[in-house]
Protein backbone atom coordinates (compact mmCIF):
# COMPACT_ATOMS: atom_id res chain seq x y z
CA ARG A 1 -3.35 16.80 20.75
CA LEU A 2 -3.03 13.93 18.26
CA VAL A 3 -4.96 14.17 15.09
CA ALA A 4 -5.49 11.27 12.47
CA THR A 5 -6.52 12.23 8.96
CA ASP A 6 -6.14 10.85 5.56
CA VAL A 7 -6.58 14.37 3.82
CA GLN A 8 -3.20 16.07 3.58
CA ALA A 9 -4.92 19.28 2.72
CA ASP A 10 -6.67 19.38 6.04
CA LEU A 11 -3.68 18.56 7.96
CA LEU A 12 -1.24 20.92 6.04
CA SER A 13 -3.67 23.84 6.34
CA SER A 14 -4.23 23.40 10.07
CA ARG A 15 -1.74 24.27 12.93
CA PHE A 16 0.52 21.49 14.09
CA ASP A 17 4.08 21.03 15.45
CA ILE A 18 4.87 17.87 13.90
CA ALA A 19 3.20 15.74 11.17
CA LEU A 20 3.83 12.12 9.91
CA VAL A 21 2.93 12.29 6.13
CA HIS A 22 3.13 9.93 3.16
CA GLY A 23 4.28 11.47 -0.05
CA GLU A 24 7.26 12.36 -2.18
CA GLY A 25 8.93 14.63 0.45
CA ASN A 26 8.31 18.05 -1.11
CA TRP A 27 6.06 20.26 1.03
CA ARG A 28 6.14 23.92 0.48
CA GLY A 29 7.45 25.70 3.82
CA MET A 30 8.16 22.38 5.51
CA GLU A 31 11.18 20.61 6.50
CA ALA A 32 10.71 16.76 5.75
CA LYS A 33 12.82 14.08 7.37
CA LYS A 34 12.48 10.75 5.67
CA LEU A 35 11.45 8.00 7.89
CA PHE A 36 11.14 4.91 5.71
CA ASN A 37 10.33 4.12 2.08
CA GLU A 38 7.13 2.66 1.09
CA GLU A 39 7.01 -1.10 0.52
CA VAL A 40 3.85 -3.07 0.13
CA PHE A 41 3.13 -6.84 0.15
CA PRO A 42 0.20 -9.17 0.77
CA VAL A 43 -0.63 -10.31 4.35
CA CYS A 44 -3.28 -12.38 5.82
CA SER A 45 -3.74 -14.47 8.94
CA PRO A 46 -2.55 -18.20 9.12
CA CYS A 47 -6.06 -19.33 9.77
CA TYR A 48 -7.18 -17.69 6.38
CA ILE A 49 -4.50 -19.79 4.52
CA GLU A 50 -6.05 -23.03 6.21
CA ARG A 51 -9.47 -22.11 5.43
CA CYS A 52 -8.97 -20.80 2.02
CA GLY A 53 -9.08 -24.09 0.26
CA ILE A 54 -6.51 -23.38 -2.36
CA VAL A 55 -2.79 -23.08 -2.30
CA ILE A 56 -2.15 -19.47 -2.32
CA ASP A 57 0.44 -18.45 -4.87
CA HIS A 58 1.03 -15.72 -7.56
CA ASN A 59 -1.22 -17.67 -10.04
CA ASN A 60 -4.30 -17.73 -7.69
CA LEU A 61 -3.98 -14.96 -5.55
CA ALA A 62 -6.58 -12.91 -7.54
CA ARG A 63 -9.09 -15.71 -6.49
CA CYS A 64 -8.67 -14.96 -2.80
CA ALA A 65 -10.88 -12.64 -0.88
CA LEU A 66 -8.89 -9.44 -1.39
CA LEU A 67 -9.33 -7.01 1.41
CA ASP A 68 -8.85 -3.47 -0.21
CA LEU A 69 -8.21 -0.14 1.06
CA GLU A 70 -10.40 2.81 -0.22
CA TYR A 71 -8.12 5.68 -1.04
CA GLU A 72 -8.34 9.41 -1.04
CA GLN A 73 -5.01 10.13 -2.83
CA TRP A 74 -4.15 8.96 -6.36
CA HIS A 75 -0.85 7.56 -5.28
CA TRP A 76 -2.15 5.28 -2.48
CA MET A 77 -1.37 1.63 -3.22
CA ASN A 78 -4.44 -0.73 -3.78
CA TRP A 79 -4.76 -4.18 -5.19
CA ALA A 80 -5.26 -3.15 -8.83
CA ILE A 81 -1.84 -1.34 -8.70
CA TRP A 82 -0.02 -3.94 -6.74
CA LEU A 83 -1.13 -6.87 -8.97
CA THR A 84 -0.35 -4.81 -12.10
CA GLU A 85 3.08 -3.85 -10.81
CA MET A 86 3.75 -7.53 -9.97
CA GLU A 87 2.45 -8.43 -13.71
CA LEU A 88 -0.22 -10.71 -12.04
CA PRO A 89 -3.90 -11.01 -13.31
CA LEU A 90 -6.66 -8.95 -11.69
CA PRO A 91 -9.59 -10.55 -9.99
CA ALA A 92 -12.50 -11.31 -12.22
CA GLY A 93 -15.12 -10.75 -9.53
CA PRO A 94 -15.71 -8.10 -6.81
CA ARG A 95 -13.62 -7.98 -3.59
CA ARG A 96 -15.53 -9.06 -0.48
CA ILE A 97 -14.30 -6.15 1.79
CA ASN A 98 -13.53 -2.55 0.97
CA CYS A 99 -12.51 -0.37 3.97
CA ASN A 100 -11.68 3.28 4.26
CA ASN A 101 -9.65 2.69 7.45
CA TYR A 102 -6.20 0.99 7.50
CA PRO A 103 -6.38 -0.32 11.09
CA LEU A 104 -9.86 -1.88 10.55
CA LEU A 105 -8.61 -3.36 7.35
CA MET A 106 -5.70 -4.96 9.16
CA ASP A 107 -8.14 -6.27 11.80
CA ALA A 108 -10.23 -7.98 9.17
CA ALA A 109 -6.92 -9.64 7.86
CA LYS A 110 -5.96 -10.86 11.30
CA ARG A 111 -9.42 -12.25 11.75
CA GLY A 112 -9.17 -14.27 8.66
CA SER A 113 -11.39 -12.51 6.25
CA GLY A 114 -8.94 -12.36 3.37
CA VAL A 115 -5.65 -11.10 2.10
CA ALA A 116 -4.72 -7.33 2.59
CA LEU A 117 -1.96 -5.30 1.30
CA GLY A 118 0.49 -4.52 4.34
CA TRP A 119 2.96 -1.65 4.49
CA ARG A 120 6.39 -2.64 5.89
CA HIS A 121 7.01 -1.01 9.33
CA LEU A 122 3.20 -0.89 9.76
CA VAL A 123 2.71 -4.66 9.90
CA ASP A 124 6.18 -5.61 11.20
CA ALA A 125 5.08 -6.49 14.80
CA ASP A 126 2.17 -8.48 13.47
CA MET A 127 4.57 -10.38 11.19
CA HIS A 128 7.00 -11.09 13.94
CA SER A 129 4.38 -12.31 16.29
CA GLY A 130 2.90 -14.55 13.48
CA THR A 131 -0.62 -12.87 13.74
CA LEU A 132 -0.05 -11.90 9.99
CA VAL A 133 2.03 -13.82 7.48
CA ALA A 134 2.89 -13.15 3.73
CA PRO A 135 1.06 -15.77 1.80
CA VAL A 136 3.23 -15.08 -1.27
CA GLU A 137 6.54 -13.43 -2.03
CA GLY A 138 6.90 -10.07 -3.73
CA VAL A 139 7.17 -6.50 -2.50
CA VAL A 140 6.25 -3.45 -4.57
CA LYS A 141 8.56 -0.53 -3.67
CA THR A 142 7.36 2.72 -4.82
CA HIS A 143 9.07 6.15 -4.92
CA PHE A 144 6.91 7.36 -2.12
CA ALA A 145 7.87 7.43 1.49
CA TYR A 146 6.76 8.43 5.02
CA TYR A 147 8.18 11.76 6.48
CA LEU A 148 8.25 13.68 9.57
CA LEU A 149 7.32 17.30 8.87
CA HIS A 150 7.53 20.60 10.65
CA SER A 151 7.35 24.30 9.51
CA PHE A 152 10.63 25.85 8.58
CA ASN A 153 9.44 29.05 10.45
CA ASP A 154 8.28 27.40 13.73
CA GLN A 155 10.42 27.05 16.71
CA LEU A 156 9.74 23.63 18.16
CA SER A 157 8.76 23.21 21.74
CA PRO A 158 11.03 21.00 23.88
CA VAL A 159 8.33 18.23 23.86
CA ALA A 160 7.96 18.43 20.06
CA LYS A 161 11.76 18.22 19.81
CA TRP A 162 11.84 15.16 22.06
CA PHE A 163 8.93 13.50 20.08
CA MET A 164 10.87 14.20 16.81
CA GLU A 165 14.10 12.76 18.09
CA TRP A 166 12.13 9.66 19.34
CA VAL A 167 10.57 9.07 16.07
CA LEU A 168 13.81 9.53 14.13
CA ASP A 169 15.42 7.05 16.58
CA GLU A 170 12.78 4.40 16.24
CA PHE A 171 13.39 4.40 12.32
CA GLY A 172 17.17 5.06 12.73
CA GLY A 173 18.20 2.39 10.26
CA GLU A 174 15.93 3.82 7.53
CA ALA A 175 16.21 7.58 8.17
């Protein structure tokens, strides 16, 4: 059974074999194996750059249609945090699209609706294919990361052990 949730309390209070979680790496009663650090940068489709009408650079990024992810957790990255970390101006007007689902937000970016924040490893395939590009340079690295969790007390099934090994192999350079 595969469950996707943005609410850690729901996940951690339910029964699971393995979880992939964003955070600082300290969950009571859990063994956490770090997969990769959090690195966030702007992404958009090449067609958005063509249609934008301005040269996108650090000085006018806030004038673009910024696609923002609504967040449940205080530590999730958003445009206000990213622009502040990069010492860039905040947008004067409202963003065009706010979305509560990261895959839908990335779909909007791929379709040319604006500039979104991309998380390294989550957008790598789209960056390699050219579906998404980085319109400006700059990466914000936080002290958060993505972890693979399982309970200290649980004996993992062979399938769960295989899955955990597969995930760790996929991110072998970072883990």
